Amino acid sequence: MSPDKHVALFVALLASLLSDILLLILVRFSVRWLSANTNISRIARAVLIQIGVFALVIVMPIRKASKVSRTKAVERAQYGGHPQLAGRYC
């Protein structure tokens, strides 16, 4: 494994850890906020905020990754396994 891949793996693991910590902080904050004064509007806002954060942290990266992998697969198919030929006039 090249050093660049090691750095990329480390950065990905660090980003994953930080997003998990931020998600736990948000859930803890929501529970404290709801326990102070519980009513329907607060519960609805807390649920919507958590769904939004879930979408940003989980769903969006998956969509981006699948789009990138589809693009790379198309390039491999079009250029016979040589994506470095993409954009060149042959």
C-alpha atoms as a PDB file:
ATOM      1  CA  MET A   1       0.000   0.000   0.000  1.00  0.00           C
ATOM      2  CA  SER A   2       1.420   3.372  -0.968  1.00  0.00           C
ATOM      3  CA  PRO A   3       1.919   6.183   1.565  1.00  0.00           C
ATOM      4  CA  ASP A   4      -0.803   8.227  -0.147  1.00  0.00           C
ATOM      5  CA  LYS A   5      -3.312   5.448   0.466  1.00  0.00           C
ATOM      6  CA  HIS A   6      -2.253   5.245   4.120  1.00  0.00           C
ATOM      7  CA  VAL A   7      -2.862   8.966   4.534  1.00  0.00           C
ATOM      8  CA  ALA A   8      -6.220   8.740   2.771  1.00  0.00           C
ATOM      9  CA  LEU A   9      -7.250   5.820   4.992  1.00  0.00           C
ATOM     10  CA  PHE A  10      -6.201   7.698   8.118  1.00  0.00           C
ATOM     11  CA  VAL A  11      -8.114  10.821   7.061  1.00  0.00           C
ATOM     12  CA  ALA A  12     -11.205   8.742   6.281  1.00  0.00           C
ATOM     13  CA  LEU A  13     -11.050   7.026   9.669  1.00  0.00           C
ATOM     14  CA  LEU A  14     -10.576  10.352  11.430  1.00  0.00           C
ATOM     15  CA  ALA A  15     -13.522  11.907   9.573  1.00  0.00           C
ATOM     16  CA  SER A  16     -15.664   8.908  10.445  1.00  0.00           C
ATOM     17  CA  LEU A  17     -14.738   9.131  14.113  1.00  0.00           C
ATOM     18  CA  LEU A  18     -15.440  12.866  14.236  1.00  0.00           C
ATOM     19  CA  SER A  19     -18.819  12.481  12.531  1.00  0.00           C
ATOM     20  CA  ASP A  20     -19.797   9.746  15.008  1.00  0.00           C
ATOM     21  CA  ILE A  21     -18.801  11.942  17.945  1.00  0.00           C
ATOM     22  CA  LEU A  22     -20.749  14.904  16.548  1.00  0.00           C
ATOM     23  CA  LEU A  23     -23.798  12.698  16.029  1.00  0.00           C
ATOM     24  CA  LEU A  24     -23.634  11.496  19.642  1.00  0.00           C
ATOM     25  CA  ILE A  25     -23.295  15.086  20.851  1.00  0.00           C
ATOM     26  CA  LEU A  26     -26.340  16.087  18.813  1.00  0.00           C
ATOM     27  CA  VAL A  27     -28.433  13.225  20.202  1.00  0.00           C
ATOM     28  CA  ARG A  28     -27.382  14.050  23.754  1.00  0.00           C
ATOM     29  CA  PHE A  29     -28.185  17.730  23.220  1.00  0.00           C
ATOM     30  CA  SER A  30     -31.586  16.824  21.766  1.00  0.00           C
ATOM     31  CA  VAL A  31     -32.472  14.630  24.735  1.00  0.00           C
ATOM     32  CA  ARG A  32     -31.502  17.353  27.206  1.00  0.00           C
ATOM     33  CA  TRP A  33     -33.385  19.978  25.217  1.00  0.00           C
ATOM     34  CA  LEU A  34     -36.513  17.820  25.068  1.00  0.00           C
ATOM     35  CA  SER A  35     -36.392  16.926  28.755  1.00  0.00           C
ATOM     36  CA  ALA A  36     -36.422  20.622  29.737  1.00  0.00           C
ATOM     37  CA  ASN A  37     -39.874  21.249  28.255  1.00  0.00           C
ATOM     38  CA  THR A  38     -41.606  18.551  26.269  1.00  0.00           C
ATOM     39  CA  ASN A  39     -44.199  19.489  23.689  1.00  0.00           C
ATOM     40  CA  ILE A  40     -45.055  18.386  20.159  1.00  0.00           C
ATOM     41  CA  SER A  41     -43.221  21.200  18.358  1.00  0.00           C
ATOM     42  CA  ARG A  42     -39.958  20.518  20.211  1.00  0.00           C
ATOM     43  CA  ILE A  43     -40.178  16.793  19.511  1.00  0.00           C
ATOM     44  CA  ALA A  44     -40.898  17.448  15.826  1.00  0.00           C
ATOM     45  CA  ARG A  45     -37.981  19.885  15.535  1.00  0.00           C
ATOM     46  CA  ALA A  46     -35.603  17.469  17.254  1.00  0.00           C
ATOM     47  CA  VAL A  47     -36.652  14.621  14.968  1.00  0.00           C
ATOM     48  CA  LEU A  48     -36.298  16.786  11.848  1.00  0.00           C
ATOM     49  CA  ILE A  49     -32.853  17.992  12.922  1.00  0.00           C
ATOM     50  CA  GLN A  50     -31.697  14.433  13.561  1.00  0.00           C
ATOM     51  CA  ILE A  51     -33.060  13.258  10.205  1.00  0.00           C
ATOM     52  CA  GLY A  52     -31.231  16.135   8.508  1.00  0.00           C
ATOM     53  CA  VAL A  53     -27.955  15.318  10.232  1.00  0.00           C
ATOM     54  CA  PHE A  54     -28.411  11.631   9.406  1.00  0.00           C
ATOM     55  CA  ALA A  55     -28.896  12.553   5.749  1.00  0.00           C
ATOM     56  CA  LEU A  56     -25.763  14.725   5.732  1.00  0.00           C
ATOM     57  CA  VAL A  57     -23.566  12.254   7.591  1.00  0.00           C
ATOM     58  CA  ILE A  58     -24.771   8.934   6.171  1.00  0.00           C
ATOM     59  CA  VAL A  59     -26.826   9.288   2.991  1.00  0.00           C
ATOM     60  CA  MET A  60     -24.951  12.034   1.123  1.00  0.00           C
ATOM     61  CA  PRO A  61     -21.499  10.350   1.316  1.00  0.00           C
ATOM     62  CA  ILE A  62     -23.028   7.088   0.094  1.00  0.00           C
ATOM     63  CA  ARG A  63     -24.616   8.878  -2.865  1.00  0.00           C
ATOM     64  CA  LYS A  64     -21.362  10.666  -3.694  1.00  0.00           C
ATOM     65  CA  ALA A  65     -19.376   7.431  -3.466  1.00  0.00           C
ATOM     66  CA  SER A  66     -21.784   5.565  -5.703  1.00  0.00           C
ATOM     67  CA  LYS A  67     -21.698   8.389  -8.274  1.00  0.00           C
ATOM     68  CA  VAL A  68     -17.885   8.355  -8.305  1.00  0.00           C
ATOM     69  CA  SER A  69     -17.727   4.570  -8.634  1.00  0.00           C
ATOM     70  CA  ARG A  70     -20.252   4.641 -11.506  1.00  0.00           C
ATOM     71  CA  THR A  71     -18.179   7.313 -13.258  1.00  0.00           C
ATOM     72  CA  LYS A  72     -14.991   5.291 -12.871  1.00  0.00           C
ATOM     73  CA  ALA A  73     -16.727   2.146 -14.120  1.00  0.00           C
ATOM     74  CA  VAL A  74     -17.946   4.019 -17.204  1.00  0.00           C
ATOM     75  CA  GLU A  75     -14.451   5.387 -17.866  1.00  0.00           C
ATOM     76  CA  ARG A  76     -12.964   1.901 -17.589  1.00  0.00           C
ATOM     77  CA  ALA A  77     -15.568   0.536 -19.977  1.00  0.00           C
ATOM     78  CA  GLN A  78     -15.129   3.368 -22.491  1.00  0.00           C
ATOM     79  CA  TYR A  79     -11.348   3.496 -22.470  1.00  0.00           C
ATOM     80  CA  GLY A  80     -10.569  -0.206 -22.166  1.00  0.00           C
ATOM     81  CA  GLY A  81      -9.211  -0.061 -18.644  1.00  0.00           C
ATOM     82  CA  HIS A  82      -7.112   3.037 -19.339  1.00  0.00           C
ATOM     83  CA  PRO A  83      -8.896   5.972 -17.648  1.00  0.00           C
ATOM     84  CA  GLN A  84      -5.837   8.154 -18.255  1.00  0.00           C
ATOM     85  CA  LEU A  85      -7.000   8.318 -21.882  1.00  0.00           C
ATOM     86  CA  ALA A  86     -10.197  10.109 -20.857  1.00  0.00           C
ATOM     87  CA  GLY A  87     -10.390  13.532 -22.426  1.00  0.00           C
ATOM     88  CA  ARG A  88      -7.670  12.843 -24.990  1.00  0.00           C
ATOM     89  CA  TYR A  89      -8.375  12.754 -28.671  1.00  0.00           C
ATOM     90  CA  CYS A  90      -7.235   9.400 -29.963  1.00  0.00           C
END
